[in-house]
N, C-alpha and C. Protein backbone atom coordinates (compact mmCIF):
# COMPACT_ATOMS: atom_id res chain seq x y z
N MET A 1 0.63 -1.18 -0.24
CA MET A 1 -0.17 -0.12 0.39
C MET A 1 0.68 1.21 0.14
N LYS A 2 2.06 1.34 1.00
CA LYS A 2 2.81 2.43 0.83
C LYS A 2 3.53 3.04 -0.90
N ARG A 3 3.93 1.31 -1.29
CA ARG A 3 4.52 2.02 -2.71
C ARG A 3 3.63 2.32 -3.67
N ILE A 4 2.15 2.20 -3.61
CA ILE A 4 1.20 2.46 -4.59
C ILE A 4 1.03 4.39 -3.88
N ALA A 5 1.41 4.38 -2.78
CA ALA A 5 0.69 5.80 -2.28
C ALA A 5 2.31 6.69 -2.78
N VAL A 6 3.42 5.90 -2.50
CA VAL A 6 4.62 6.59 -3.12
C VAL A 6 4.47 6.76 -4.57
N LEU A 7 4.49 5.89 -5.53
CA LEU A 7 4.02 6.03 -6.82
C LEU A 7 3.23 7.40 -7.08
N LEU A 8 1.94 6.86 -6.77
CA LEU A 8 0.78 8.03 -6.86
C LEU A 8 1.38 9.61 -7.03
N LEU A 9 2.39 9.43 -5.69
CA LEU A 9 2.70 11.00 -5.26
C LEU A 9 4.02 11.34 -6.33
N CYS A 10 4.49 10.20 -6.41
CA CYS A 10 5.66 10.84 -7.66
C CYS A 10 5.12 10.83 -9.38
N LEU A 11 4.17 9.92 -9.31
CA LEU A 11 3.36 10.62 -11.06
C LEU A 11 2.55 11.70 -10.90
N LEU A 12 2.14 12.25 -9.58
CA LEU A 12 1.35 13.25 -9.30
C LEU A 12 2.30 14.53 -9.50
N PHE A 13 3.16 14.11 -8.51
CA PHE A 13 4.57 15.41 -8.92
C PHE A 13 4.81 15.90 -9.71
N VAL A 14 5.69 14.39 -10.83
CA VAL A 14 5.93 14.52 -12.14
C VAL A 14 5.04 15.27 -12.84
N ALA A 15 3.83 14.78 -12.95
CA ALA A 15 2.54 15.59 -13.88
C ALA A 15 2.65 16.88 -13.52
N GLN A 16 2.33 17.10 -12.37
CA GLN A 16 2.35 18.62 -11.94
C GLN A 16 3.59 19.61 -12.43
N THR A 17 4.77 19.03 -12.49
CA THR A 17 5.96 20.10 -12.74
C THR A 17 6.08 19.87 -14.56
N TYR A 18 5.81 18.48 -15.07
CA TYR A 18 5.42 18.69 -16.39
C TYR A 18 4.65 19.53 -17.20
N GLY A 19 3.33 19.62 -16.19
CA GLY A 19 1.99 20.60 -16.50
C GLY A 19 2.94 22.28 -16.47
N CYS A 20 3.35 22.49 -15.62
CA CYS A 20 3.70 23.78 -15.14
C CYS A 20 4.82 23.95 -16.43
N GLY A 21 5.66 23.24 -16.47
CA GLY A 21 6.98 23.65 -17.47
C GLY A 21 6.21 23.98 -19.06
N LYS A 22 5.03 23.20 -19.07
CA LYS A 22 4.45 23.64 -20.35
C LYS A 22 3.96 25.10 -20.35
N GLN A 23 3.29 25.41 -19.23
CA GLN A 23 3.01 26.65 -19.32
C GLN A 23 3.68 27.89 -19.38
N LYS A 24 4.83 27.57 -18.69
CA LYS A 24 6.18 28.40 -18.45
C LYS A 24 6.66 28.74 -19.98
N ALA A 25 6.66 27.60 -20.51
CA ALA A 25 7.03 27.62 -21.70
C ALA A 25 6.31 28.59 -22.93
N GLN A 26 4.82 28.42 -22.87
CA GLN A 26 3.90 28.98 -23.75
C GLN A 26 3.65 29.81 -23.27
N SER A 27 3.82 30.51 -22.01
CA SER A 27 3.69 31.97 -21.56
C SER A 27 4.54 32.98 -21.88
N GLN A 28 5.83 32.04 -22.02
CA GLN A 28 7.13 33.00 -21.93
C GLN A 28 7.36 33.14 -23.57
N LYS A 29 6.76 32.37 -24.51
CA LYS A 29 7.24 32.71 -26.07
C LYS A 29 6.67 33.83 -26.01
N PRO A 30 5.61 34.32 -25.82
CA PRO A 30 4.65 35.21 -26.64
C PRO A 30 4.79 36.61 -25.75
N GLN A 31 5.67 36.48 -24.69
CA GLN A 31 5.97 37.74 -23.84
C GLN A 31 7.48 38.28 -24.54
N PRO A 32 8.24 37.60 -24.59
CA PRO A 32 9.78 38.45 -25.65
C PRO A 32 9.12 39.00 -26.93
N GLU A 33 8.00 38.04 -27.70
CA GLU A 33 8.08 38.74 -28.99
C GLU A 33 7.45 40.10 -28.75
N LYS A 34 6.75 40.49 -28.05
CA LYS A 34 6.08 41.68 -27.97
C LYS A 34 7.17 42.74 -27.29
N PRO A 35 7.88 42.40 -26.61
CA PRO A 35 8.86 43.66 -26.00
C PRO A 35 9.85 43.83 -27.55
N ILE A 36 10.05 42.75 -28.62
CA ILE A 36 10.95 42.92 -29.44
C ILE A 36 10.10 43.50 -30.76
N ASP A 37 9.09 43.17 -30.69
CA ASP A 37 8.31 44.32 -31.89
C ASP A 37 8.40 45.53 -31.62
N THR A 38 7.42 45.81 -30.32
CA THR A 38 7.95 47.56 -29.85
C THR A 38 9.26 48.12 -30.00
N GLN A 39 9.87 47.15 -29.98
CA GLN A 39 11.44 47.60 -29.78
C GLN A 39 11.67 48.15 -31.30
N LEU A 40 11.53 46.84 -32.32
CA LEU A 40 11.83 47.36 -33.64
C LEU A 40 10.95 48.39 -34.24
N VAL A 41 9.86 48.76 -33.93
CA VAL A 41 9.25 49.56 -34.50
C VAL A 41 9.42 51.17 -33.95
N GLU A 42 10.24 50.48 -32.42
CA GLU A 42 11.04 52.38 -32.09
C GLU A 42 12.00 52.49 -32.68
N GLN A 43 12.93 51.47 -33.14
CA GLN A 43 13.99 51.39 -34.17
C GLN A 43 13.76 52.13 -35.16
N MET A 44 12.63 51.37 -35.96
CA MET A 44 11.88 51.81 -37.36
C MET A 44 11.71 53.63 -36.87
N LYS A 45 11.08 54.30 -36.01
CA LYS A 45 10.68 55.18 -36.05
C LYS A 45 12.24 55.92 -35.81
N MET A 46 12.84 55.98 -34.85
CA MET A 46 14.28 56.41 -34.86
C MET A 46 14.89 56.83 -36.04
N TYR A 47 14.75 55.30 -36.82
CA TYR A 47 15.83 55.72 -37.89
C TYR A 47 15.17 56.34 -38.90
N LYS A 48 13.87 56.46 -39.13
CA LYS A 48 12.88 57.50 -40.22
C LYS A 48 13.06 58.86 -39.66
N ASN A 49 13.32 58.97 -38.05
CA ASN A 49 13.39 60.58 -37.55
C ASN A 49 14.78 60.88 -38.21
N VAL A 50 15.79 59.96 -38.32
CA VAL A 50 17.43 60.31 -38.64
C VAL A 50 17.33 60.75 -39.98
N LYS A 51 16.62 59.54 -40.70
CA LYS A 51 16.96 59.95 -42.22
C LYS A 51 16.19 61.02 -42.43
N GLN A 52 15.11 61.31 -42.09
CA GLN A 52 14.47 62.77 -42.32
C GLN A 52 14.91 64.10 -41.77
N TYR A 53 15.67 64.02 -40.72
CA TYR A 53 16.81 65.38 -40.40
C TYR A 53 17.67 65.27 -41.04
N GLU A 54 18.36 63.84 -41.48
CA GLU A 54 19.23 64.19 -42.65
C GLU A 54 18.55 65.03 -43.80
N TYR A 55 17.45 64.28 -44.39
CA TYR A 55 17.21 64.89 -45.59
C TYR A 55 16.87 66.74 -45.30
N ASP A 56 16.72 66.74 -44.36
CA ASP A 56 15.86 68.17 -44.14
C ASP A 56 17.35 69.08 -44.52
N GLU A 57 18.15 68.51 -43.53
CA GLU A 57 19.78 69.26 -43.34
C GLU A 57 20.02 69.24 -44.67
N ALA A 58 19.82 68.30 -45.57
CA ALA A 58 20.66 68.42 -47.02
C ALA A 58 19.79 69.03 -47.96
N GLU A 59 18.59 69.10 -47.71
CA GLU A 59 17.74 70.27 -48.24
C GLU A 59 18.00 72.05 -48.03
N LYS A 60 18.49 72.09 -46.33
CA LYS A 60 18.82 73.50 -46.39
C LYS A 60 20.31 73.56 -46.92
N GLN A 61 21.40 72.60 -47.14
CA GLN A 61 22.03 72.80 -47.64
C GLN A 61 22.13 73.54 -49.07
N ARG A 62 21.25 72.88 -50.17
CA ARG A 62 20.85 72.89 -51.16
C ARG A 62 20.20 74.18 -51.15
N LYS A 63 19.65 74.69 -50.50
CA LYS A 63 19.26 76.01 -50.78
C LYS A 63 20.08 76.81 -50.71
N LEU A 64 20.49 76.98 -49.67
CA LEU A 64 21.90 77.94 -49.46
C LEU A 64 22.66 77.87 -50.57
N ASP A 65 23.32 77.08 -51.22
CA ASP A 65 24.34 76.72 -51.97
C ASP A 65 23.35 77.60 -53.83
N LYS A 66 22.23 77.26 -53.53
CA LYS A 66 21.45 77.52 -54.92
C LYS A 66 21.28 78.97 -54.67
N GLU A 67 21.15 79.81 -53.68
CA GLU A 67 21.29 81.29 -53.19
C GLU A 67 22.73 81.64 -53.58
N GLN A 68 23.72 80.95 -53.20
CA GLN A 68 24.95 81.77 -52.98
C GLN A 68 25.35 81.38 -54.70
N LEU A 69 24.89 80.61 -55.25
CA LEU A 69 25.51 80.40 -57.05
C LEU A 69 24.40 81.34 -57.44
N LYS A 70 23.55 82.00 -57.25
CA LYS A 70 22.74 82.94 -57.58
C LYS A 70 23.27 84.50 -57.63
N LYS A 71 23.78 84.46 -56.69
CA LYS A 71 24.73 85.79 -55.73
C LYS A 71 25.99 85.86 -56.96
N LEU A 72 26.75 84.65 -57.13
CA LEU A 72 27.92 84.89 -57.52
C LEU A 72 27.69 84.76 -58.89
N ASP A 73 26.47 84.36 -59.63
CA ASP A 73 26.29 84.37 -60.80
C ASP A 73 26.16 85.86 -61.27
N LYS A 74 25.16 86.14 -60.53
CA LYS A 74 24.82 87.89 -60.66
C LYS A 74 25.94 88.78 -60.71
N ALA A 75 26.53 88.59 -59.81
CA ALA A 75 28.05 89.35 -59.78
C ALA A 75 28.70 88.95 -60.51
N HIS A 76 29.10 88.19 -61.26
CA HIS A 76 30.01 87.38 -62.14
C HIS A 76 29.47 88.56 -63.51
N LYS A 77 28.10 88.51 -63.78
CA LYS A 77 27.59 88.87 -65.25
C LYS A 77 27.88 90.88 -65.01
N THR A 78 27.51 91.10 -63.82
CA THR A 78 27.79 92.48 -63.48
C THR A 78 28.66 92.53 -63.59
N GLY A 79 29.83 92.27 -63.06
CA GLY A 79 31.22 92.74 -62.49
C GLY A 79 32.02 92.57 -64.13
N LYS A 80 31.55 91.18 -65.10
CA LYS A 80 31.82 91.24 -66.34
C LYS A 80 31.95 92.14 -67.55
N ALA A 81 30.43 92.77 -67.41
CA ALA A 81 30.05 93.54 -68.21
C ALA A 81 30.67 95.02 -67.58
N GLY A 82 31.12 95.45 -66.65
CA GLY A 82 31.86 96.68 -66.07
C GLY A 82 33.08 97.06 -66.50
N LYS A 83 33.79 95.30 -66.15
CA LYS A 83 35.20 95.38 -66.35
C LYS A 83 35.34 95.33 -68.17
N THR A 84 34.74 95.07 -68.77
CA THR A 84 35.02 94.94 -70.07
C THR A 84 34.99 96.24 -70.95
N GLY A 85 34.20 97.21 -70.39
CA GLY A 85 34.07 98.23 -70.79
C GLY A 85 35.32 98.97 -70.35
N LYS A 86 35.45 99.04 -68.92
CA LYS A 86 35.92 100.49 -68.22
C LYS A 86 37.90 99.92 -68.52
N THR A 87 38.14 98.88 -67.95
CA THR A 87 39.56 98.34 -67.58
C THR A 87 40.02 97.92 -68.85
N GLY A 88 39.34 97.40 -69.64
CA GLY A 88 40.08 96.71 -70.91
C GLY A 88 40.91 97.80 -71.59
N GLY A 89 40.50 98.83 -71.99
CA GLY A 89 41.01 99.78 -72.43
C GLY A 89 42.21 100.44 -71.79
N THR A 90 41.80 100.76 -70.16
CA THR A 90 43.36 101.39 -69.61
C THR A 90 44.15 100.06 -69.46
N ASN A 91 43.88 98.90 -69.22
CA ASN A 91 45.04 98.20 -69.41
C ASN A 91 46.11 97.97 -70.60
N LYS A 92 45.34 98.40 -71.44
CA LYS A 92 46.15 98.40 -72.74
C LYS A 92 46.72 99.73 -72.84
N ALA A 93 46.25 100.58 -72.24
CA ALA A 93 47.12 102.04 -72.09
C ALA A 93 48.36 101.90 -71.34
N ARG A 94 47.86 101.15 -70.12
CA ARG A 94 49.23 100.90 -69.17
C ARG A 94 50.03 100.49 -69.72
N THR A 95 50.20 99.42 -70.35
CA THR A 95 51.28 98.29 -70.95
C THR A 95 51.42 99.17 -72.46
N LYS A 96 51.12 99.97 -72.71
CA LYS A 96 51.66 100.88 -73.78
C LYS A 96 52.62 101.91 -73.55
N SER A 97 52.29 102.48 -72.44
CA SER A 97 52.60 103.62 -71.64
C SER A 97 54.02 102.89 -70.76
N GLN A 98 54.14 101.84 -70.42
CA GLN A 98 54.81 100.95 -69.59
C GLN A 98 56.04 100.45 -70.28
N GLY A 99 55.84 100.88 -71.73
CA GLY A 99 56.59 100.14 -72.76
C GLY A 99 56.18 98.54 -72.64
N GLY A 100 55.68 97.78 -72.14
CA GLY A 100 55.36 96.35 -72.47
C GLY A 100 54.44 96.19 -73.39
N SER A 101 54.72 94.84 -74.08
CA SER A 101 53.80 94.32 -74.97
C SER A 101 53.03 93.33 -74.92
N GLN A 102 51.71 93.56 -75.41
CA GLN A 102 50.76 92.26 -74.87
C GLN A 102 50.55 91.36 -76.09
N LYS A 103 50.30 90.06 -76.10
CA LYS A 103 49.88 89.20 -77.09
C LYS A 103 48.68 88.91 -77.19
């Protein structure tokens, strides 16, 4: 009789621990997936924000470069027109008066 009682207790203990082990394994599996998913979503948002910031900075730089190019182009056009009329003759006159020759 004692053997049967001990055997039943052992079987009950094994069944209980085996059942708890399954529940732990099942309950643990969904829990890590959810934090990983939320971490992934957060990392994707951070990546998107970084790329948007980089794009915005590049856009600002492009606008500044475009404005600078327009200013330089405008200055070059106005400076070129003024130099050909005024300085072209004076340079020739200086070199002739100094005795130099131009090619």
